[in-house]
């Protein structure tokens, strides 16, 4: 009897070679190789298990965000990267993601040199298991193309998260030479 764990182990290298492989393609390979067909929902679960084995879980990725911020700052001098994780009482999930703000120095300087002085901001809700809101600031170049200045991912969209985003944005633009 094939279960999701067995399928994940058997299809691991196929999924590693192509993370975007469809559940139908996985099912076709299962029929071809082992003479079995599984429900689409079971194949989907098996693919998730294999992808977690390959890439690690979301919790592992969130745990590495502070290090990612440090790498941004050390490899891109003048860049700004802040990450906040909240300690939790749960041993299986000791930290919970709160927010992250990133602005690369080259993007900040680019928003000043030769770009229109208007900066647009927007927020969009993220779908998936973890949700959140992506806040972004963009400038427009002389060809009317968008140029990213800064991004942030926050737990929810409210006055406080926008206030913090604007404070960070104002500071990086000030540090980059813009007087607004």
C-alpha atoms as a PDB file:
ATOM      1  CA  UNK A   1       0.000   0.000   0.000  1.00  0.00           C
ATOM      2  CA  UNK A   2       1.594   3.271  -1.144  1.00  0.00           C
ATOM      3  CA  UNK A   3       1.289   6.273   1.134  1.00  0.00           C
ATOM      4  CA  UNK A   4       2.420   9.899   0.789  1.00  0.00           C
ATOM      5  CA  UNK A   5       5.758   9.299   2.563  1.00  0.00           C
ATOM      6  CA  UNK A   6       6.600   6.394   0.246  1.00  0.00           C
ATOM      7  CA  UNK A   7       5.719   8.425  -2.845  1.00  0.00           C
ATOM      8  CA  UNK A   8       7.782  11.374  -1.553  1.00  0.00           C
ATOM      9  CA  UNK A   9      10.829   9.107  -1.123  1.00  0.00           C
ATOM     10  CA  UNK A  10      10.404   7.453  -4.528  1.00  0.00           C
ATOM     11  CA  UNK A  11       9.803  10.724  -6.402  1.00  0.00           C
ATOM     12  CA  UNK A  12      12.342  12.836  -4.491  1.00  0.00           C
ATOM     13  CA  UNK A  13      14.924  13.060  -7.278  1.00  0.00           C
ATOM     14  CA  UNK A  14      12.266  13.812  -9.923  1.00  0.00           C
ATOM     15  CA  UNK A  15      10.901  16.627  -7.772  1.00  0.00           C
ATOM     16  CA  UNK A  16      14.431  17.855  -6.989  1.00  0.00           C
ATOM     17  CA  UNK A  17      15.089  18.067 -10.745  1.00  0.00           C
ATOM     18  CA  UNK A  18      11.862  20.022 -11.303  1.00  0.00           C
ATOM     19  CA  UNK A  19      10.166  21.667  -8.299  1.00  0.00           C
ATOM     20  CA  UNK A  20       7.353  22.771 -10.602  1.00  0.00           C
ATOM     21  CA  UNK A  21       6.478  19.231 -11.747  1.00  0.00           C
ATOM     22  CA  UNK A  22       2.713  18.845 -11.861  1.00  0.00           C
ATOM     23  CA  UNK A  23       0.820  16.360  -9.741  1.00  0.00           C
ATOM     24  CA  UNK A  24      -0.448  14.807 -12.962  1.00  0.00           C
ATOM     25  CA  UNK A  25       3.131  14.234 -14.146  1.00  0.00           C
ATOM     26  CA  UNK A  26       4.008  12.647 -10.814  1.00  0.00           C
ATOM     27  CA  UNK A  27       0.976  10.398 -11.078  1.00  0.00           C
ATOM     28  CA  UNK A  28       1.971   9.449 -14.645  1.00  0.00           C
ATOM     29  CA  UNK A  29       5.449   8.487 -13.403  1.00  0.00           C
ATOM     30  CA  UNK A  30       3.931   6.439 -10.571  1.00  0.00           C
ATOM     31  CA  UNK A  31       1.791   4.533 -13.079  1.00  0.00           C
ATOM     32  CA  UNK A  32       4.727   4.033 -15.449  1.00  0.00           C
ATOM     33  CA  UNK A  33       7.250   2.929 -12.799  1.00  0.00           C
ATOM     34  CA  UNK A  34       5.164   1.205 -10.133  1.00  0.00           C
ATOM     35  CA  UNK A  35       1.771   0.547 -11.698  1.00  0.00           C
ATOM     36  CA  UNK A  36      -0.065   2.634  -9.092  1.00  0.00           C
ATOM     37  CA  UNK A  37      -2.229   5.715  -9.291  1.00  0.00           C
ATOM     38  CA  UNK A  38      -2.949   7.963  -6.345  1.00  0.00           C
ATOM     39  CA  UNK A  39      -5.572  10.592  -5.671  1.00  0.00           C
ATOM     40  CA  UNK A  40      -4.445  14.071  -6.711  1.00  0.00           C
ATOM     41  CA  UNK A  41      -4.677  15.289  -3.107  1.00  0.00           C
ATOM     42  CA  UNK A  42      -2.350  12.489  -1.950  1.00  0.00           C
ATOM     43  CA  UNK A  43       0.171  13.247  -4.702  1.00  0.00           C
ATOM     44  CA  UNK A  44       0.026  16.929  -3.730  1.00  0.00           C
ATOM     45  CA  UNK A  45       0.806  16.019  -0.096  1.00  0.00           C
ATOM     46  CA  UNK A  46       3.642  13.736  -1.218  1.00  0.00           C
ATOM     47  CA  UNK A  47       5.094  16.540  -3.346  1.00  0.00           C
ATOM     48  CA  UNK A  48       4.927  18.921  -0.352  1.00  0.00           C
ATOM     49  CA  UNK A  49       6.760  16.367   1.792  1.00  0.00           C
ATOM     50  CA  UNK A  50       9.475  15.973  -0.863  1.00  0.00           C
ATOM     51  CA  UNK A  51       9.859  19.740  -1.331  1.00  0.00           C
ATOM     52  CA  UNK A  52      10.174  20.177   2.433  1.00  0.00           C
ATOM     53  CA  UNK A  53      12.856  17.477   2.442  1.00  0.00           C
ATOM     54  CA  UNK A  54      14.705  19.244  -0.396  1.00  0.00           C
ATOM     55  CA  UNK A  55      14.361  22.876   0.707  1.00  0.00           C
ATOM     56  CA  UNK A  56      13.598  22.643   4.406  1.00  0.00           C
ATOM     57  CA  UNK A  57      10.413  23.949   5.961  1.00  0.00           C
ATOM     58  CA  UNK A  58       9.088  27.484   6.138  1.00  0.00           C
ATOM     59  CA  UNK A  59      10.028  27.682   9.812  1.00  0.00           C
ATOM     60  CA  UNK A  60      13.667  27.004   8.885  1.00  0.00           C
ATOM     61  CA  UNK A  61      13.538  29.765   6.278  1.00  0.00           C
ATOM     62  CA  UNK A  62      11.996  32.297   8.667  1.00  0.00           C
ATOM     63  CA  UNK A  63      14.618  31.407  11.278  1.00  0.00           C
ATOM     64  CA  UNK A  64      17.343  32.330   8.767  1.00  0.00           C
ATOM     65  CA  UNK A  65      15.942  35.808   7.985  1.00  0.00           C
ATOM     66  CA  UNK A  66      18.140  37.659  10.519  1.00  0.00           C
ATOM     67  CA  UNK A  67      21.202  36.064   8.927  1.00  0.00           C
ATOM     68  CA  UNK A  68      19.883  37.023   5.474  1.00  0.00           C
ATOM     69  CA  UNK A  69      19.601  40.649   6.630  1.00  0.00           C
ATOM     70  CA  UNK A  70      23.206  40.536   7.845  1.00  0.00           C
ATOM     71  CA  UNK A  71      24.352  39.103   4.509  1.00  0.00           C
ATOM     72  CA  UNK A  72      22.527  41.895   2.637  1.00  0.00           C
ATOM     73  CA  UNK A  73      24.229  44.549   4.763  1.00  0.00           C
ATOM     74  CA  UNK A  74      27.690  42.975   4.531  1.00  0.00           C
ATOM     75  CA  UNK A  75      27.629  42.298   0.788  1.00  0.00           C
ATOM     76  CA  UNK A  76      25.798  45.504  -0.207  1.00  0.00           C
ATOM     77  CA  UNK A  77      27.346  48.348   1.820  1.00  0.00           C
ATOM     78  CA  UNK A  78      24.857  51.086   2.605  1.00  0.00           C
ATOM     79  CA  UNK A  79      21.869  48.787   2.206  1.00  0.00           C
ATOM     80  CA  UNK A  80      19.244  48.604   4.935  1.00  0.00           C
ATOM     81  CA  UNK A  81      17.765  45.317   6.152  1.00  0.00           C
ATOM     82  CA  UNK A  82      15.811  44.856   9.369  1.00  0.00           C
ATOM     83  CA  UNK A  83      14.039  41.713  10.527  1.00  0.00           C
ATOM     84  CA  UNK A  84      11.944  41.158  13.629  1.00  0.00           C
ATOM     85  CA  UNK A  85      11.115  37.755  15.071  1.00  0.00           C
ATOM     86  CA  UNK A  86       9.071  37.355  18.240  1.00  0.00           C
ATOM     87  CA  UNK A  87      10.097  34.703  20.798  1.00  0.00           C
ATOM     88  CA  UNK A  88       7.360  32.156  21.487  1.00  0.00           C
ATOM     89  CA  UNK A  89       6.810  29.713  24.354  1.00  0.00           C
ATOM     90  CA  UNK A  90       6.436  26.761  21.982  1.00  0.00           C
ATOM     91  CA  UNK A  91       9.471  24.415  21.684  1.00  0.00           C
ATOM     92  CA  UNK A  92       8.549  23.316  18.139  1.00  0.00           C
ATOM     93  CA  UNK A  93       8.223  26.947  16.983  1.00  0.00           C
ATOM     94  CA  UNK A  94      10.474  29.096  19.204  1.00  0.00           C
ATOM     95  CA  UNK A  95      10.272  32.183  16.956  1.00  0.00           C
ATOM     96  CA  UNK A  96       7.426  33.812  15.052  1.00  0.00           C
ATOM     97  CA  UNK A  97       7.965  36.157  12.104  1.00  0.00           C
ATOM     98  CA  UNK A  98       6.899  39.757  12.700  1.00  0.00           C
ATOM     99  CA  UNK A  99       8.336  41.849   9.833  1.00  0.00           C
ATOM    100  CA  UNK A 100      11.210  42.498   7.469  1.00  0.00           C
ATOM    101  CA  UNK A 101      12.297  45.670   5.659  1.00  0.00           C
ATOM    102  CA  UNK A 102      14.838  45.693   2.806  1.00  0.00           C
ATOM    103  CA  UNK A 103      16.256  48.554   0.736  1.00  0.00           C
ATOM    104  CA  UNK A 104      19.345  47.988  -1.377  1.00  0.00           C
ATOM    105  CA  UNK A 105      21.753  50.928  -1.587  1.00  0.00           C
ATOM    106  CA  UNK A 106      21.858  50.846  -5.395  1.00  0.00           C
ATOM    107  CA  UNK A 107      18.070  51.060  -5.555  1.00  0.00           C
ATOM    108  CA  UNK A 108      17.985  53.971  -3.125  1.00  0.00           C
ATOM    109  CA  UNK A 109      20.628  55.874  -5.067  1.00  0.00           C
ATOM    110  CA  UNK A 110      18.895  54.999  -8.328  1.00  0.00           C
ATOM    111  CA  UNK A 111      15.673  56.528  -7.066  1.00  0.00           C
ATOM    112  CA  UNK A 112      17.541  59.813  -6.687  1.00  0.00           C
ATOM    113  CA  UNK A 113      19.611  59.982  -9.877  1.00  0.00           C
ATOM    114  CA  UNK A 114      17.586  60.736 -12.979  1.00  0.00           C
ATOM    115  CA  UNK A 115      14.271  59.464 -11.674  1.00  0.00           C
ATOM    116  CA  UNK A 116      11.078  61.399 -11.215  1.00  0.00           C
ATOM    117  CA  UNK A 117      10.713  62.714  -7.691  1.00  0.00           C
ATOM    118  CA  UNK A 118       7.434  60.903  -7.038  1.00  0.00           C
ATOM    119  CA  UNK A 119       7.625  57.665  -5.078  1.00  0.00           C
ATOM    120  CA  UNK A 120       4.600  55.378  -5.127  1.00  0.00           C
ATOM    121  CA  UNK A 121       3.707  53.037  -2.296  1.00  0.00           C
ATOM    122  CA  UNK A 122       1.357  50.099  -2.207  1.00  0.00           C
ATOM    123  CA  UNK A 123       0.509  47.065  -0.141  1.00  0.00           C
ATOM    124  CA  UNK A 124      -0.736  43.673  -1.237  1.00  0.00           C
ATOM    125  CA  UNK A 125      -1.978  40.797   0.858  1.00  0.00           C
ATOM    126  CA  UNK A 126       0.003  37.571   0.546  1.00  0.00           C
ATOM    127  CA  UNK A 127      -1.785  34.264   0.159  1.00  0.00           C
ATOM    128  CA  UNK A 128      -0.677  30.940   1.570  1.00  0.00           C
ATOM    129  CA  UNK A 129      -0.103  29.367   4.955  1.00  0.00           C
ATOM    130  CA  UNK A 130       1.700  32.352   6.437  1.00  0.00           C
ATOM    131  CA  UNK A 131      -0.111  35.333   4.919  1.00  0.00           C
ATOM    132  CA  UNK A 132       1.103  38.822   5.686  1.00  0.00           C
ATOM    133  CA  UNK A 133       1.247  41.989   3.629  1.00  0.00           C
ATOM    134  CA  UNK A 134       3.926  43.057   1.151  1.00  0.00           C
ATOM    135  CA  UNK A 135       4.541  46.812   1.301  1.00  0.00           C
ATOM    136  CA  UNK A 136       6.553  48.394  -1.491  1.00  0.00           C
ATOM    137  CA  UNK A 137       7.893  51.765  -2.562  1.00  0.00           C
ATOM    138  CA  UNK A 138       8.687  52.356  -6.242  1.00  0.00           C
ATOM    139  CA  UNK A 139       9.959  55.259  -8.308  1.00  0.00           C
ATOM    140  CA  UNK A 140       9.491  55.861 -12.027  1.00  0.00           C
ATOM    141  CA  UNK A 141      12.431  56.367 -14.364  1.00  0.00           C
ATOM    142  CA  UNK A 142      12.587  58.608 -17.437  1.00  0.00           C
ATOM    143  CA  UNK A 143      11.167  55.772 -19.591  1.00  0.00           C
ATOM    144  CA  UNK A 144       8.129  55.520 -17.278  1.00  0.00           C
ATOM    145  CA  UNK A 145       9.287  52.154 -15.992  1.00  0.00           C
ATOM    146  CA  UNK A 146       8.937  51.211 -12.328  1.00  0.00           C
ATOM    147  CA  UNK A 147      12.066  51.056 -10.219  1.00  0.00           C
ATOM    148  CA  UNK A 148      11.863  49.378  -6.770  1.00  0.00           C
ATOM    149  CA  UNK A 149      13.161  51.445  -3.866  1.00  0.00           C
ATOM    150  CA  UNK A 150      12.205  49.410  -0.779  1.00  0.00           C
ATOM    151  CA  UNK A 151      10.065  46.458   0.285  1.00  0.00           C
ATOM    152  CA  UNK A 152       8.711  45.153   3.559  1.00  0.00           C
ATOM    153  CA  UNK A 153       6.681  42.159   4.640  1.00  0.00           C
ATOM    154  CA  UNK A 154       4.542  42.764   7.718  1.00  0.00           C
ATOM    155  CA  UNK A 155       2.026  40.711   9.681  1.00  0.00           C
ATOM    156  CA  UNK A 156      -0.905  42.969   8.855  1.00  0.00           C
ATOM    157  CA  UNK A 157      -1.655  46.286   7.205  1.00  0.00           C
ATOM    158  CA  UNK A 158      -2.481  49.051   9.654  1.00  0.00           C
ATOM    159  CA  UNK A 159      -1.412  52.576  10.579  1.00  0.00           C
ATOM    160  CA  UNK A 160       1.472  51.355  12.717  1.00  0.00           C
ATOM    161  CA  UNK A 161       3.043  49.125  10.036  1.00  0.00           C
ATOM    162  CA  UNK A 162       2.684  51.884   7.424  1.00  0.00           C
ATOM    163  CA  UNK A 163       4.160  54.423   9.866  1.00  0.00           C
ATOM    164  CA  UNK A 164       7.220  52.235  10.431  1.00  0.00           C
ATOM    165  CA  UNK A 165       7.569  51.624   6.698  1.00  0.00           C
ATOM    166  CA  UNK A 166       7.488  55.369   5.979  1.00  0.00           C
ATOM    167  CA  UNK A 167       9.980  56.078   8.788  1.00  0.00           C
ATOM    168  CA  UNK A 168      12.424  53.562   7.306  1.00  0.00           C
ATOM    169  CA  UNK A 169      11.807  54.876   3.781  1.00  0.00           C
ATOM    170  CA  UNK A 170      12.307  58.484   4.821  1.00  0.00           C
ATOM    171  CA  UNK A 171      15.555  57.597   6.589  1.00  0.00           C
ATOM    172  CA  UNK A 172      17.050  55.695   3.647  1.00  0.00           C
ATOM    173  CA  UNK A 173      16.126  58.462   1.216  1.00  0.00           C
ATOM    174  CA  UNK A 174      17.599  61.045   3.576  1.00  0.00           C
ATOM    175  CA  UNK A 175      20.780  58.971   3.946  1.00  0.00           C
ATOM    176  CA  UNK A 176      20.969  58.631   0.155  1.00  0.00           C
ATOM    177  CA  UNK A 177      20.871  62.393  -0.351  1.00  0.00           C
ATOM    178  CA  UNK A 178      17.227  63.197  -1.049  1.00  0.00           C
ATOM    179  CA  UNK A 179      15.956  66.028   1.168  1.00  0.00           C
ATOM    180  CA  UNK A 180      12.251  65.059   1.242  1.00  0.00           C
END
